[in-house]
Protein backbone atom coordinates (compact mmCIF):
# COMPACT_ATOMS: atom_id res chain seq x y z
CA MET A 1 38.66 44.40 -60.03
CA ILE A 2 36.47 47.24 -61.16
CA THR A 3 38.34 50.27 -62.37
CA GLY A 4 37.65 53.52 -64.11
CA GLU A 5 38.17 57.18 -63.73
CA ALA A 6 37.51 59.07 -60.53
CA MET A 7 33.86 59.09 -59.54
CA PRO A 8 31.97 62.24 -58.59
CA ALA A 9 30.73 62.52 -55.02
CA GLU A 10 27.15 61.52 -55.86
CA ALA A 11 28.34 58.17 -57.30
CA ARG A 12 30.74 57.37 -54.45
CA GLY A 13 28.00 56.51 -51.96
CA ARG A 14 26.47 53.86 -54.22
CA LYS A 15 27.41 50.28 -53.55
CA VAL A 16 28.41 47.81 -56.22
CA PRO A 17 26.27 44.68 -55.87
CA ALA A 18 27.80 41.23 -55.44
CA LEU A 19 28.97 40.00 -58.84
CA THR A 20 30.62 36.84 -60.11
CA ASP A 21 34.21 37.25 -61.30
CA ALA A 22 32.99 37.02 -64.90
CA GLU A 23 30.26 39.64 -64.34
CA CYS A 24 32.80 41.92 -62.69
CA SER A 25 35.13 41.52 -65.65
CA PHE A 26 32.22 42.12 -68.04
CA ILE A 27 31.32 45.42 -66.33
CA ASP A 28 34.96 46.46 -65.98
CA HIS A 29 35.80 45.96 -69.64
CA TYR A 30 32.47 47.36 -70.84
CA LEU A 31 33.10 50.62 -68.96
CA ALA A 32 36.70 50.71 -70.19
CA ILE A 33 35.34 50.52 -73.76
CA VAL A 34 32.82 53.28 -73.00
CA ASP A 35 35.66 55.47 -71.68
CA LEU A 36 37.79 54.79 -74.77
CA VAL A 37 34.93 55.53 -77.18
CA ALA A 38 34.31 58.76 -75.26
CA ARG A 39 37.99 59.69 -75.81
CA LEU A 40 37.47 59.03 -79.54
CA ASN A 41 34.34 61.20 -79.76
CA PRO A 42 35.31 64.04 -82.11
CA ALA A 43 32.49 66.22 -80.76
CA ARG A 44 34.13 66.18 -77.31
CA SER A 45 37.72 66.05 -78.47
CA ARG A 46 40.44 68.49 -77.52
CA GLY A 47 41.73 68.12 -81.06
CA HIS A 48 44.71 65.86 -80.37
CA ALA A 49 44.98 63.06 -82.93
CA TYR A 50 47.53 61.16 -80.83
CA ALA A 51 45.09 60.76 -77.94
CA CYS A 52 42.52 59.36 -80.37
CA LEU A 53 45.12 57.02 -81.85
CA ARG A 54 46.02 55.67 -78.40
CA ALA A 55 42.36 55.21 -77.49
CA ALA A 56 41.71 53.34 -80.75
CA GLN A 57 44.72 51.09 -80.14
CA SER A 58 43.49 50.29 -76.62
CA LEU A 59 39.97 49.61 -77.83
CA THR A 60 40.89 46.34 -79.53
CA GLY A 61 42.47 44.92 -76.37
CA GLU A 62 39.48 45.89 -74.24
CA ALA A 63 37.09 44.38 -76.80
CA ARG A 64 39.02 41.10 -76.65
CA ALA A 65 38.90 41.17 -72.84
CA LEU A 66 35.15 41.85 -72.91
CA LEU A 67 34.67 38.93 -75.29
CA ALA A 68 36.72 36.69 -72.98
CA ALA A 69 34.56 37.68 -70.00
CA LEU A 70 31.38 36.87 -71.89
CA GLU A 71 32.79 33.58 -73.17
CA LEU A 72 33.70 32.65 -69.58
CA MET A 73 30.16 33.42 -68.47
CA TRP A 74 28.83 31.20 -71.26
CA GLU A 75 31.25 28.36 -70.44
CA ARG A 76 30.15 28.47 -66.80
CA GLY A 77 26.54 28.10 -67.84
CA GLU A 78 25.58 31.72 -67.19
CA ARG A 79 23.00 32.04 -69.95
CA GLU A 80 21.32 35.19 -68.71
CA ILE A 81 22.58 38.67 -68.00
CA HIS A 82 21.13 39.83 -64.66
CA VAL A 83 20.00 43.20 -65.97
CA PRO A 84 18.90 44.83 -62.68
CA THR A 85 22.09 43.79 -60.87
CA LEU A 86 24.42 44.84 -63.67
CA THR A 87 22.52 48.10 -64.13
CA GLN A 88 22.99 48.80 -60.41
CA ALA A 89 26.72 48.11 -60.80
CA LEU A 90 26.94 50.46 -63.79
CA ARG A 91 25.18 53.21 -61.86
CA ALA A 92 27.41 52.67 -58.81
CA LEU A 93 30.46 53.05 -61.06
CA ASP A 94 29.22 56.30 -62.64
CA GLY A 95 28.20 54.56 -65.86
CA GLU A 96 25.50 57.08 -66.74
CA ARG A 97 27.91 60.01 -66.79
CA ARG A 98 30.62 58.00 -68.51
CA ALA A 99 28.23 56.75 -71.22
CA GLY A 100 26.96 60.30 -71.70
CA LEU A 101 30.41 61.32 -72.92
CA VAL A 102 29.95 59.08 -75.97
CA THR A 103 27.05 61.21 -77.26
CA LEU A 104 27.05 64.63 -78.85
CA PRO A 105 27.12 67.53 -76.42
CA PRO A 106 24.10 69.83 -76.47
CA ALA A 107 24.14 72.40 -79.24
CA PRO A 108 25.07 75.89 -78.06
CA ALA A 109 22.08 78.12 -77.45
CA GLU A 110 21.48 80.65 -80.17
CA PRO A 111 21.32 84.27 -79.09
CA GLU A 112 17.83 85.72 -78.89
CA GLY A 113 16.57 87.40 -82.01
CA HIS A 114 17.97 84.89 -84.52
């Protein structure tokens, strides 16, 4: 199960590669954490403390689920992260845009003459 917010049209045509259940869970929970951290980003906030509180509360559960996915991979003998495959999955699931929401937005342009 790979979830997340609605994808823009340019990401919809990309295909998610074949993943193990543990890899799928890893990507799913990683992106959920990215989305929650983006909701916590004060530089992109709408100024509602309650939304930040809810995101912070959800973050701990997602972190535990991400840890469980990685522990499962380890228990199954998966000692390597298949970087190209998982990167393709992240791109197919709009990971670049979603991760970009964690950073600071560009500074507003200063008017000419200053």
